[in-house]
Amino acid sequence: MKKLLISAVLAAFAVIAFAQDGEKEIKRGWSFGLLPTATYSVDNGFQAGAFGDVYYYGDGATYPDPLHKISWEASYFTHSHRMRLYLAYDSKYLIPNMRVNASVTYMNDPLYSFWGFNGPASTQNYDMWSNRDMIVPLTDNNVNYYGMSRSMLRILANFQGQIIPHLNWAAGVNFWKWQLGDMKDNGVKVGDDKRYYDTNVTLYKFLSTTGVITEAEKNGGLALELNAGLVYDTRDIEAAPNRGIWAEAYLNGNVLQNSYLKACAYFRHYISIPIHIPAGEPVFAYRLAWQQTIAGETPLYMIQNNPLLVQRNMISEGFGSSNTIRGLRENRILAEGMAWLNAELRVKLFNFKLFNQYFYVAVNPFFDAGIITKQYKSAALEKISVNGKIYDPAFNLLSGTTDPIYDASKVGSLIYSGGAGLKIAMNQNFIVSADFAKCFTPGLDAGLWIGIGINYQF
């Protein structure tokens, strides 16, 4: 999710060669983008590995859209010990009049962070949940109250075909295999012994023993999601549009084990502002989005999934972090229904040509907001609540407070954040992105949030 090569950026600025006025930008043949994933994130720590995109433009007739695009990543995170492997293919030209988007992803999270359900209702003390290494009183055990483990294998293939100009049908299939459980760690050497996390003192364990997380879902499971819908697209450029509309409406349902059906709708609008800047006119972009389960109940291992017809990033998870509402921790909002807004101003500062590649640098101040439209596991949570509040004695012992871990009265709180980003694009397609945000909703503040990756958010 988060990728940036600072040294390469500095080197590029040191040898900037601006493109000649009037020179037509065009690319032919193959183009490669490769960066190491030497980054840091609050959720997962330092990331090591590499990622990249491979583009094929043929004779350049379709530029800046490539004929074929291959994306890949192999990386490891030091704090969460997360490992990610990813390979994806995207093309509108492999099959005449049809778009093909396919990928294979494997991810292992031995120290995954699980913050609870329904966003603002899962109350957390900032000082407490920012420290993952608390000591259980009267013991030598380390505790990560918000820790659990998960591993995921995903294989997907999505297709689009034209009905009339700009209006496409869309359909796809996504297979998932999940394993969930207690945290898995190698321990930390303390003297002659090793100290491990106490897996009996976690939110995951508490919700499992109280029956909120059921036996059928607590260890993971399989999902085979089928989706079908319509796509309306008038964008002039896909990676970073200057003008146009991109709208989707579709159904997404699981036909294996814990079945459910979701309705999804997205409306994205890109408006070019007629202010002359040599690098290009500014663009005001906004997205209105809604996703909600309309039949069945989503199992724990799929609730963080954010169904998309075209994958722009390796992982399309949850509400919070870089995919939906910036400024929140990863998968901070787990709910059956969510509506949200993203709005930003994209301003290209300057462009240049380097090593026969075309670059531009842009900034994007933004505002994000969202609200829960359908709660998750409300009936199960109500059974163990007192006047809408849930208490965990282990949590109170750790925090030294009498605070509840869940307060149903806060479910409807407006979630909102603001910030700004920096973009460096090569050939209008390979876009390195860094966003900085701050959440203003009480109880969800993650401090200064930094999201470093590829592509604009939408």
Protein backbone atom coordinates (compact mmCIF):
# COMPACT_ATOMS: atom_id res chain seq x y z
CA MET A 1 0.00 0.00 0.00
CA LYS A 2 2.71 2.38 0.87
CA LYS A 3 5.63 2.92 -1.41
CA LEU A 4 8.10 5.75 -1.97
CA LEU A 5 11.69 6.03 -3.17
CA ILE A 6 12.98 9.27 -1.68
CA SER A 7 16.48 8.90 -3.06
CA ALA A 8 15.17 8.47 -6.61
CA VAL A 9 13.01 11.56 -6.27
CA LEU A 10 15.95 13.64 -5.07
CA ALA A 11 18.13 12.37 -7.89
CA ALA A 12 15.44 13.18 -10.41
CA PHE A 13 15.15 16.76 -9.20
CA ALA A 14 18.92 17.12 -9.34
CA VAL A 15 18.97 16.45 -13.09
CA ILE A 16 15.63 17.89 -14.20
CA ALA A 17 15.42 18.56 -17.92
CA PHE A 18 12.27 20.41 -18.90
CA ALA A 19 10.45 19.34 -22.05
CA GLN A 20 10.59 21.64 -25.06
CA ASP A 21 7.54 23.84 -25.68
CA GLY A 22 5.44 22.37 -28.42
CA GLU A 23 7.00 18.92 -28.21
CA LYS A 24 4.28 16.29 -28.42
CA GLU A 25 4.33 13.83 -25.54
CA ILE A 26 4.02 10.27 -26.74
CA LYS A 27 5.34 6.88 -25.67
CA ARG A 28 5.80 3.74 -27.75
CA GLY A 29 6.78 0.19 -26.92
CA TRP A 30 7.58 -0.86 -23.36
CA SER A 31 7.87 1.35 -20.27
CA PHE A 32 9.00 0.15 -16.85
CA GLY A 33 8.52 1.63 -13.39
CA LEU A 34 10.45 0.02 -10.52
CA LEU A 35 10.83 1.24 -6.95
CA PRO A 36 12.00 -0.32 -3.68
CA THR A 37 9.40 -0.27 -0.91
CA ALA A 38 11.66 1.37 1.67
CA THR A 39 8.87 3.08 3.62
CA TYR A 40 7.37 3.39 7.10
CA SER A 41 3.73 3.20 8.23
CA VAL A 42 2.11 3.65 11.63
CA ASP A 43 0.15 0.42 11.21
CA ASN A 44 2.90 -1.87 9.92
CA GLY A 45 6.33 -0.28 10.50
CA PHE A 46 9.16 -0.21 7.96
CA GLN A 47 8.51 -1.89 4.63
CA ALA A 48 11.21 -3.64 2.64
CA GLY A 49 10.86 -5.06 -0.85
CA ALA A 50 10.07 -3.83 -4.35
CA PHE A 51 7.09 -3.01 -6.56
CA GLY A 52 6.58 -1.84 -10.07
CA ASP A 53 4.45 -1.45 -13.17
CA VAL A 54 5.17 -2.59 -16.72
CA TYR A 55 3.37 -0.79 -19.56
CA TYR A 56 3.18 -1.64 -23.24
CA TYR A 57 2.05 1.19 -25.57
CA GLY A 58 2.59 -0.47 -28.95
CA ASP A 59 2.84 2.22 -31.65
CA GLY A 60 1.65 4.87 -29.16
CA ALA A 61 -1.80 5.33 -30.71
CA THR A 62 -3.57 4.76 -27.36
CA TYR A 63 -1.12 6.81 -25.23
CA PRO A 64 -1.40 7.77 -22.35
CA ASP A 65 -3.51 4.62 -21.90
CA PRO A 66 -1.34 1.50 -22.31
CA LEU A 67 -2.31 -1.54 -24.37
CA HIS A 68 -1.28 -3.80 -21.49
CA LYS A 69 -0.31 -3.16 -17.87
CA ILE A 70 1.33 -5.58 -15.43
CA SER A 71 1.75 -4.65 -11.75
CA TRP A 72 3.64 -6.56 -9.07
CA GLU A 73 4.90 -6.31 -5.49
CA ALA A 74 6.92 -8.38 -3.02
CA SER A 75 7.38 -6.81 0.41
CA TYR A 76 7.71 -7.32 4.17
CA PHE A 77 6.84 -5.03 7.12
CA THR A 78 9.04 -5.02 10.20
CA HIS A 79 6.50 -4.03 12.89
CA SER A 80 3.51 -6.18 11.91
CA HIS A 81 5.65 -8.80 10.12
CA ARG A 82 3.19 -8.55 7.23
CA MET A 83 4.27 -10.20 3.97
CA ARG A 84 2.65 -9.30 0.63
CA LEU A 85 2.99 -10.91 -2.79
CA TYR A 86 1.02 -9.51 -5.72
CA LEU A 87 0.76 -9.91 -9.50
CA ALA A 88 -1.89 -8.17 -11.62
CA TYR A 89 -2.79 -7.68 -15.27
CA ASP A 90 -5.04 -5.00 -16.79
CA SER A 91 -5.94 -4.39 -20.45
CA LYS A 92 -8.72 -3.01 -22.62
CA TYR A 93 -7.17 -4.54 -25.73
CA LEU A 94 -6.44 -8.22 -24.95
CA ILE A 95 -9.99 -9.16 -26.01
CA PRO A 96 -11.67 -6.85 -28.56
CA ASN A 97 -14.28 -4.57 -26.98
CA MET A 98 -13.67 -6.00 -23.51
CA ARG A 99 -11.58 -4.98 -20.51
CA VAL A 100 -9.81 -7.68 -18.49
CA ASN A 101 -8.56 -7.08 -14.94
CA ALA A 102 -7.03 -10.08 -13.13
CA SER A 103 -4.73 -10.58 -10.13
CA VAL A 104 -3.34 -13.02 -7.58
CA THR A 105 -2.55 -11.80 -4.04
CA TYR A 106 -1.13 -13.48 -0.96
CA MET A 107 -0.86 -11.63 2.35
CA ASN A 108 0.17 -12.87 5.79
CA ASP A 109 -0.47 -10.75 8.92
CA PRO A 110 0.79 -12.47 12.11
CA LEU A 111 0.22 -9.26 14.13
CA TYR A 112 -2.83 -7.78 12.43
CA SER A 113 -4.60 -4.87 14.19
CA PHE A 114 -8.30 -5.43 14.91
CA TRP A 115 -9.95 -2.30 16.36
CA GLY A 116 -13.53 -3.52 16.83
CA PHE A 117 -16.81 -2.86 15.05
CA ASN A 118 -18.80 0.17 13.92
CA GLY A 119 -16.04 2.76 13.99
CA PRO A 120 -16.70 5.53 16.54
CA ALA A 121 -18.67 3.08 18.71
CA SER A 122 -15.48 1.09 19.37
CA THR A 123 -14.00 3.49 21.88
CA GLN A 124 -10.25 3.56 22.28
CA ASN A 125 -7.85 5.68 24.23
CA TYR A 126 -5.29 7.21 21.84
CA ASP A 127 -2.33 6.77 24.18
CA MET A 128 -3.28 3.17 24.79
CA TRP A 129 -3.89 1.90 21.28
CA SER A 130 -0.84 3.70 19.92
CA ASN A 131 1.29 1.51 22.24
CA ARG A 132 1.22 -2.13 21.16
CA ASP A 133 3.53 -3.41 23.92
CA MET A 134 1.65 -2.98 27.20
CA ILE A 135 2.59 -5.14 30.18
CA VAL A 136 -0.10 -7.10 32.00
CA PRO A 137 -0.10 -5.88 35.64
CA LEU A 138 1.57 -8.29 38.09
CA THR A 139 3.03 -10.35 35.22
CA ASP A 140 5.86 -10.18 32.68
CA ASN A 141 3.56 -10.75 29.72
CA ASN A 142 3.37 -8.32 26.83
CA VAL A 143 -0.11 -7.50 25.56
CA ASN A 144 -1.30 -6.20 22.22
CA TYR A 145 -4.98 -5.80 23.04
CA TYR A 146 -5.89 -5.05 19.42
CA GLY A 147 -3.87 -7.90 17.92
CA MET A 148 -4.83 -11.05 16.04
CA SER A 149 -3.49 -12.92 12.99
CA ARG A 150 -4.78 -13.47 9.48
CA SER A 151 -3.59 -14.77 6.12
CA MET A 152 -5.30 -14.34 2.77
CA LEU A 153 -5.12 -15.79 -0.73
CA ARG A 154 -7.17 -13.94 -3.36
CA ILE A 155 -7.63 -14.76 -7.05
CA LEU A 156 -9.84 -12.43 -9.07
CA ALA A 157 -10.88 -11.80 -12.66
CA ASN A 158 -13.15 -8.92 -13.68
CA PHE A 159 -14.49 -8.11 -17.15
CA GLN A 160 -16.15 -5.14 -18.84
CA GLY A 161 -17.76 -4.84 -22.28
CA GLN A 162 -19.40 -1.96 -24.11
CA ILE A 163 -23.18 -1.62 -24.37
CA ILE A 164 -23.15 1.82 -25.99
CA PRO A 165 -20.34 4.42 -26.06
CA HIS A 166 -19.22 5.19 -22.47
CA LEU A 167 -21.65 2.65 -20.93
CA ASN A 168 -20.27 -0.81 -20.09
CA TRP A 169 -21.58 -3.96 -18.50
CA ALA A 170 -19.29 -5.43 -15.83
CA ALA A 171 -19.01 -8.85 -14.24
CA GLY A 172 -16.40 -10.72 -12.25
CA VAL A 173 -15.48 -13.52 -9.89
CA ASN A 174 -13.29 -13.31 -6.78
CA PHE A 175 -12.07 -16.30 -4.79
CA TRP A 176 -10.80 -15.83 -1.22
CA LYS A 177 -9.25 -18.14 1.34
CA TRP A 178 -8.80 -16.73 4.84
CA GLN A 179 -7.22 -18.03 8.04
CA LEU A 180 -7.84 -16.08 11.28
CA GLY A 181 -6.61 -16.65 14.80
CA ASP A 182 -4.58 -15.42 17.73
CA MET A 183 -1.41 -13.41 17.22
CA LYS A 184 1.70 -15.22 16.04
CA ASP A 185 5.07 -13.79 17.00
CA ASN A 186 8.63 -14.99 17.38
CA GLY A 187 9.01 -13.49 20.83
CA VAL A 188 11.45 -10.94 22.19
CA LYS A 189 14.50 -12.10 24.12
CA VAL A 190 14.52 -10.80 27.71
CA GLY A 191 17.54 -12.04 29.65
CA ASP A 192 17.73 -15.80 29.21
CA ASP A 193 14.06 -16.11 28.27
CA LYS A 194 11.75 -15.04 25.47
CA ARG A 195 8.71 -12.86 26.05
CA TYR A 196 5.61 -13.48 23.92
CA TYR A 197 2.33 -11.65 23.53
CA ASP A 198 -0.42 -12.91 25.83
CA THR A 199 -3.09 -14.00 23.33
CA ASN A 200 -5.71 -14.40 26.05
CA VAL A 201 -5.95 -10.64 26.59
CA THR A 202 -7.19 -9.31 23.24
CA LEU A 203 -10.32 -7.78 21.80
CA TYR A 204 -10.51 -10.66 19.32
CA LYS A 205 -10.52 -13.20 22.17
CA PHE A 206 -13.11 -11.22 24.18
CA LEU A 207 -15.56 -10.96 21.25
CA SER A 208 -15.01 -14.65 20.42
CA THR A 209 -15.67 -15.91 23.95
CA THR A 210 -18.77 -13.72 24.29
CA GLY A 211 -20.23 -15.05 21.02
CA VAL A 212 -20.14 -11.80 19.03
CA ILE A 213 -17.61 -13.45 16.72
CA THR A 214 -19.14 -16.85 15.92
CA GLU A 215 -17.51 -20.27 15.69
CA ALA A 216 -18.29 -20.34 11.97
CA GLU A 217 -16.15 -17.27 11.24
CA LYS A 218 -13.53 -16.87 13.96
CA ASN A 219 -10.98 -19.15 12.25
CA GLY A 220 -11.56 -17.81 8.74
CA GLY A 221 -13.18 -19.44 5.74
CA LEU A 222 -13.74 -19.41 2.01
CA ALA A 223 -15.58 -16.88 -0.14
CA LEU A 224 -16.51 -16.91 -3.81
CA GLU A 225 -17.83 -13.49 -4.69
CA LEU A 226 -19.71 -12.84 -7.93
CA ASN A 227 -20.36 -9.29 -9.07
CA ALA A 228 -22.35 -7.73 -11.90
CA GLY A 229 -23.36 -4.19 -12.77
CA LEU A 230 -22.92 -1.15 -15.00
CA VAL A 231 -20.05 1.28 -15.52
CA TYR A 232 -20.36 4.76 -17.07
CA ASP A 233 -16.99 6.27 -18.02
CA THR A 234 -16.19 9.48 -19.92
CA ARG A 235 -12.71 10.13 -18.47
CA ASP A 236 -10.11 11.51 -20.87
CA ILE A 237 -7.24 9.72 -19.04
CA GLU A 238 -7.69 6.85 -16.62
CA ALA A 239 -4.76 7.26 -14.22
CA ALA A 240 -5.29 10.98 -13.56
CA PRO A 241 -8.32 12.38 -15.43
CA ASN A 242 -8.58 16.03 -16.39
CA ARG A 243 -12.31 15.82 -17.09
CA GLY A 244 -15.17 13.35 -17.21
CA ILE A 245 -17.36 11.10 -15.08
CA TRP A 246 -16.65 7.61 -13.79
CA ALA A 247 -19.69 5.95 -12.18
CA GLU A 248 -20.41 2.37 -11.15
CA ALA A 249 -23.43 0.54 -9.75
CA TYR A 250 -23.30 -3.19 -9.08
CA LEU A 251 -24.18 -6.10 -6.82
CA ASN A 252 -21.54 -8.21 -5.11
CA GLY A 253 -22.41 -11.48 -3.39
CA ASN A 254 -20.74 -14.48 -1.75
CA VAL A 255 -22.07 -17.93 -2.68
CA LEU A 256 -19.85 -20.00 -0.35
CA GLN A 257 -20.33 -20.69 3.39
CA ASN A 258 -21.54 -17.44 5.03
CA SER A 259 -23.47 -15.97 2.08
CA TYR A 260 -24.39 -12.29 1.70
CA LEU A 261 -25.26 -9.73 -0.96
CA LYS A 262 -23.93 -6.16 -1.13
CA ALA A 263 -25.04 -3.18 -3.19
CA CYS A 264 -22.32 -0.74 -4.28
CA ALA A 265 -22.52 2.65 -5.99
CA TYR A 266 -19.71 5.08 -6.86
CA PHE A 267 -19.88 8.45 -8.61
CA ARG A 268 -16.62 10.20 -9.47
CA HIS A 269 -16.47 13.56 -11.25
CA TYR A 270 -13.39 15.34 -12.63
CA ILE A 271 -13.74 19.03 -13.49
CA SER A 272 -10.99 20.95 -15.29
CA ILE A 273 -10.62 24.52 -13.98
CA PRO A 274 -9.75 27.03 -16.75
CA ILE A 275 -6.69 28.53 -15.06
CA HIS A 276 -3.60 28.46 -17.26
CA ILE A 277 -0.63 26.68 -15.68
CA PRO A 278 2.15 25.51 -18.04
CA ALA A 279 2.05 21.99 -16.60
CA GLY A 280 -1.74 21.70 -17.04
CA GLU A 281 -5.03 23.11 -15.76
CA PRO A 282 -6.03 22.35 -12.15
CA VAL A 283 -8.67 19.66 -11.64
CA PHE A 284 -11.36 19.51 -8.97
CA ALA A 285 -12.21 15.86 -8.31
CA TYR A 286 -14.78 14.34 -5.98
CA ARG A 287 -16.19 10.90 -5.23
CA LEU A 288 -19.55 9.98 -3.70
CA ALA A 289 -19.66 6.35 -2.59
CA TRP A 290 -22.02 3.93 -0.87
CA GLN A 291 -21.65 0.25 -0.01
CA GLN A 292 -24.11 -1.79 2.06
CA THR A 293 -25.07 -5.39 2.77
CA ILE A 294 -28.68 -5.87 1.66
CA ALA A 295 -29.03 -9.61 2.40
CA GLY A 296 -27.32 -11.96 4.85
CA GLU A 297 -24.46 -11.02 7.17
CA THR A 298 -20.84 -10.56 6.15
CA PRO A 299 -18.47 -12.88 8.06
CA LEU A 300 -15.61 -11.36 10.05
CA TYR A 301 -12.99 -12.38 7.51
CA MET A 302 -14.74 -10.43 4.69
CA ILE A 303 -16.17 -7.40 6.50
CA GLN A 304 -13.13 -5.23 5.76
CA ASN A 305 -13.33 -5.90 2.00
CA ASN A 306 -14.23 -2.96 -0.23
CA PRO A 307 -15.54 -4.54 -3.48
CA LEU A 308 -14.26 -2.89 -6.67
CA LEU A 309 -14.78 -3.72 -10.33
CA VAL A 310 -11.29 -2.49 -11.26
CA GLN A 311 -8.46 -2.83 -8.73
CA ARG A 312 -6.31 0.33 -8.67
CA ASN A 313 -4.26 -0.82 -5.68
CA MET A 314 -3.11 -4.17 -4.43
CA ILE A 315 -5.48 -4.20 -1.44
CA SER A 316 -8.97 -2.65 -1.45
CA GLU A 317 -9.77 -2.93 2.22
CA GLY A 318 -11.88 -1.25 4.76
CA PHE A 319 -12.91 2.21 5.75
CA GLY A 320 -9.88 4.16 6.79
CA SER A 321 -6.33 4.41 5.48
CA SER A 322 -5.59 5.18 1.82
CA ASN A 323 -8.61 3.64 0.06
CA THR A 324 -11.55 5.49 1.60
CA ILE A 325 -11.23 8.01 4.44
CA ARG A 326 -7.66 9.20 4.91
CA GLY A 327 -6.45 10.05 8.42
CA LEU A 328 -7.75 6.83 10.03
CA ARG A 329 -5.92 3.69 11.00
CA GLU A 330 -6.10 0.71 8.66
CA ASN A 331 -9.59 -0.92 8.64
CA ARG A 332 -10.68 1.29 11.53
CA ILE A 333 -14.34 1.31 10.44
CA LEU A 334 -15.90 -2.17 10.14
CA ALA A 335 -19.61 -1.89 9.30
CA GLU A 336 -22.24 -3.48 7.04
CA GLY A 337 -22.97 -0.12 5.40
CA MET A 338 -20.96 3.03 4.78
CA ALA A 339 -21.39 6.22 2.73
CA TRP A 340 -18.49 8.57 2.14
CA LEU A 341 -17.21 11.59 0.24
CA ASN A 342 -13.73 12.44 -1.02
CA ALA A 343 -13.01 15.85 -2.53
CA GLU A 344 -9.67 17.27 -3.64
CA LEU A 345 -8.03 19.91 -5.82
CA ARG A 346 -5.28 18.55 -8.07
CA VAL A 347 -2.73 21.13 -9.17
CA LYS A 348 0.22 20.29 -11.45
CA LEU A 349 3.15 22.47 -10.40
CA PHE A 350 5.57 21.71 -13.24
CA ASN A 351 6.58 19.01 -15.71
CA PHE A 352 9.89 17.85 -17.15
CA LYS A 353 11.49 15.22 -19.35
CA LEU A 354 14.18 12.92 -17.99
CA PHE A 355 15.82 9.87 -19.59
CA ASN A 356 13.22 10.04 -22.38
CA GLN A 357 10.40 9.77 -19.80
CA TYR A 358 7.77 12.47 -19.14
CA PHE A 359 7.21 13.59 -15.54
CA TYR A 360 5.03 16.05 -13.67
CA VAL A 361 4.79 17.08 -10.01
CA ALA A 362 1.40 17.90 -8.45
CA VAL A 363 -0.20 18.68 -5.09
CA ASN A 364 -3.72 17.76 -3.93
CA PRO A 365 -5.31 19.33 -0.82
CA PHE A 366 -8.33 17.19 0.15
CA PHE A 367 -11.29 16.67 2.49
CA ASP A 368 -12.84 13.28 3.35
CA ALA A 369 -16.02 12.44 5.26
CA GLY A 370 -18.19 9.41 5.91
CA ILE A 371 -20.94 7.92 8.03
CA ILE A 372 -22.09 4.40 8.91
CA THR A 373 -25.40 3.52 7.20
CA LYS A 374 -25.80 -0.01 8.60
CA GLN A 375 -24.29 -1.40 11.78
CA TYR A 376 -22.36 -4.67 12.01
CA LYS A 377 -23.46 -7.36 14.51
CA SER A 378 -25.70 -4.94 16.36
CA ALA A 379 -27.92 -7.69 17.82
CA ALA A 380 -24.97 -9.73 19.12
CA LEU A 381 -23.33 -6.64 20.60
CA GLU A 382 -26.57 -5.58 22.28
CA LYS A 383 -26.80 -8.93 24.09
CA ILE A 384 -23.58 -8.26 26.04
CA SER A 385 -24.13 -4.52 26.54
CA VAL A 386 -25.39 -2.54 29.50
CA ASN A 387 -27.35 0.54 28.40
CA GLY A 388 -25.61 0.34 25.02
CA LYS A 389 -22.11 0.05 26.52
CA ILE A 390 -19.81 -2.98 26.65
CA TYR A 391 -17.05 -3.45 29.21
CA ASP A 392 -14.07 -5.82 29.17
CA PRO A 393 -12.45 -6.28 32.62
CA ALA A 394 -9.12 -7.13 30.95
CA PHE A 395 -9.18 -3.85 29.05
CA ASN A 396 -9.96 -1.90 32.21
CA LEU A 397 -7.13 -3.63 34.07
CA LEU A 398 -4.68 -2.76 31.29
CA SER A 399 -5.77 0.83 30.84
CA GLY A 400 -6.39 1.61 34.49
CA THR A 401 -9.79 3.05 33.56
CA THR A 402 -13.47 2.13 33.82
CA ASP A 403 -14.09 3.06 30.16
CA PRO A 404 -16.27 0.86 27.94
CA ILE A 405 -14.79 -0.76 24.84
CA TYR A 406 -18.05 -0.11 22.92
CA ASP A 407 -20.63 2.68 23.07
CA ALA A 408 -23.59 2.22 20.68
CA SER A 409 -24.62 5.88 21.00
CA LYS A 410 -21.56 6.90 18.93
CA VAL A 411 -22.28 4.75 15.87
CA GLY A 412 -23.90 7.65 13.98
CA SER A 413 -21.03 10.09 14.47
CA LEU A 414 -19.79 11.92 11.37
CA ILE A 415 -16.27 10.81 10.44
CA TYR A 416 -14.22 13.49 8.70
CA SER A 417 -10.63 14.42 7.98
CA GLY A 418 -8.52 16.79 5.91
CA GLY A 419 -5.02 17.02 4.51
CA ALA A 420 -2.86 17.36 1.41
CA GLY A 421 -0.81 15.18 -0.88
CA LEU A 422 2.17 15.25 -3.23
CA LYS A 423 2.23 13.34 -6.54
CA ILE A 424 5.09 12.55 -8.94
CA ALA A 425 3.89 10.99 -12.20
CA MET A 426 5.84 9.30 -14.99
CA ASN A 427 4.21 9.18 -18.44
CA GLN A 428 0.87 10.11 -16.80
CA ASN A 429 0.42 6.53 -15.55
CA PHE A 430 3.03 5.56 -12.96
CA ILE A 431 2.13 7.90 -10.08
CA VAL A 432 3.97 7.89 -6.76
CA SER A 433 1.73 9.36 -4.08
CA ALA A 434 2.23 10.72 -0.56
CA ASP A 435 -0.81 11.95 1.41
CA PHE A 436 -0.81 13.58 4.84
CA ALA A 437 -4.07 13.74 6.81
CA LYS A 438 -5.63 14.43 10.19
CA CYS A 439 -8.92 12.95 11.43
CA PHE A 440 -11.14 15.34 13.38
CA THR A 441 -13.67 12.83 14.78
CA PRO A 442 -13.16 12.27 18.55
CA GLY A 443 -11.95 8.75 19.31
CA LEU A 444 -10.66 8.08 15.80
CA ASP A 445 -7.68 10.43 15.79
CA ALA A 446 -4.54 8.63 14.63
CA GLY A 447 -2.25 11.62 14.95
CA LEU A 448 -0.60 12.74 11.73
CA TRP A 449 -1.51 10.02 9.24
CA ILE A 450 0.84 9.39 6.33
CA GLY A 451 -0.20 7.33 3.31
CA ILE A 452 2.53 6.63 0.78
CA GLY A 453 1.76 4.52 -2.28
CA ILE A 454 0.87 4.69 -5.95
CA ASN A 455 -1.98 6.34 -7.89
CA TYR A 456 -4.51 8.94 -6.91
CA GLN A 457 -7.03 7.58 -4.46
CA PHE A 458 -9.81 7.71 -7.10
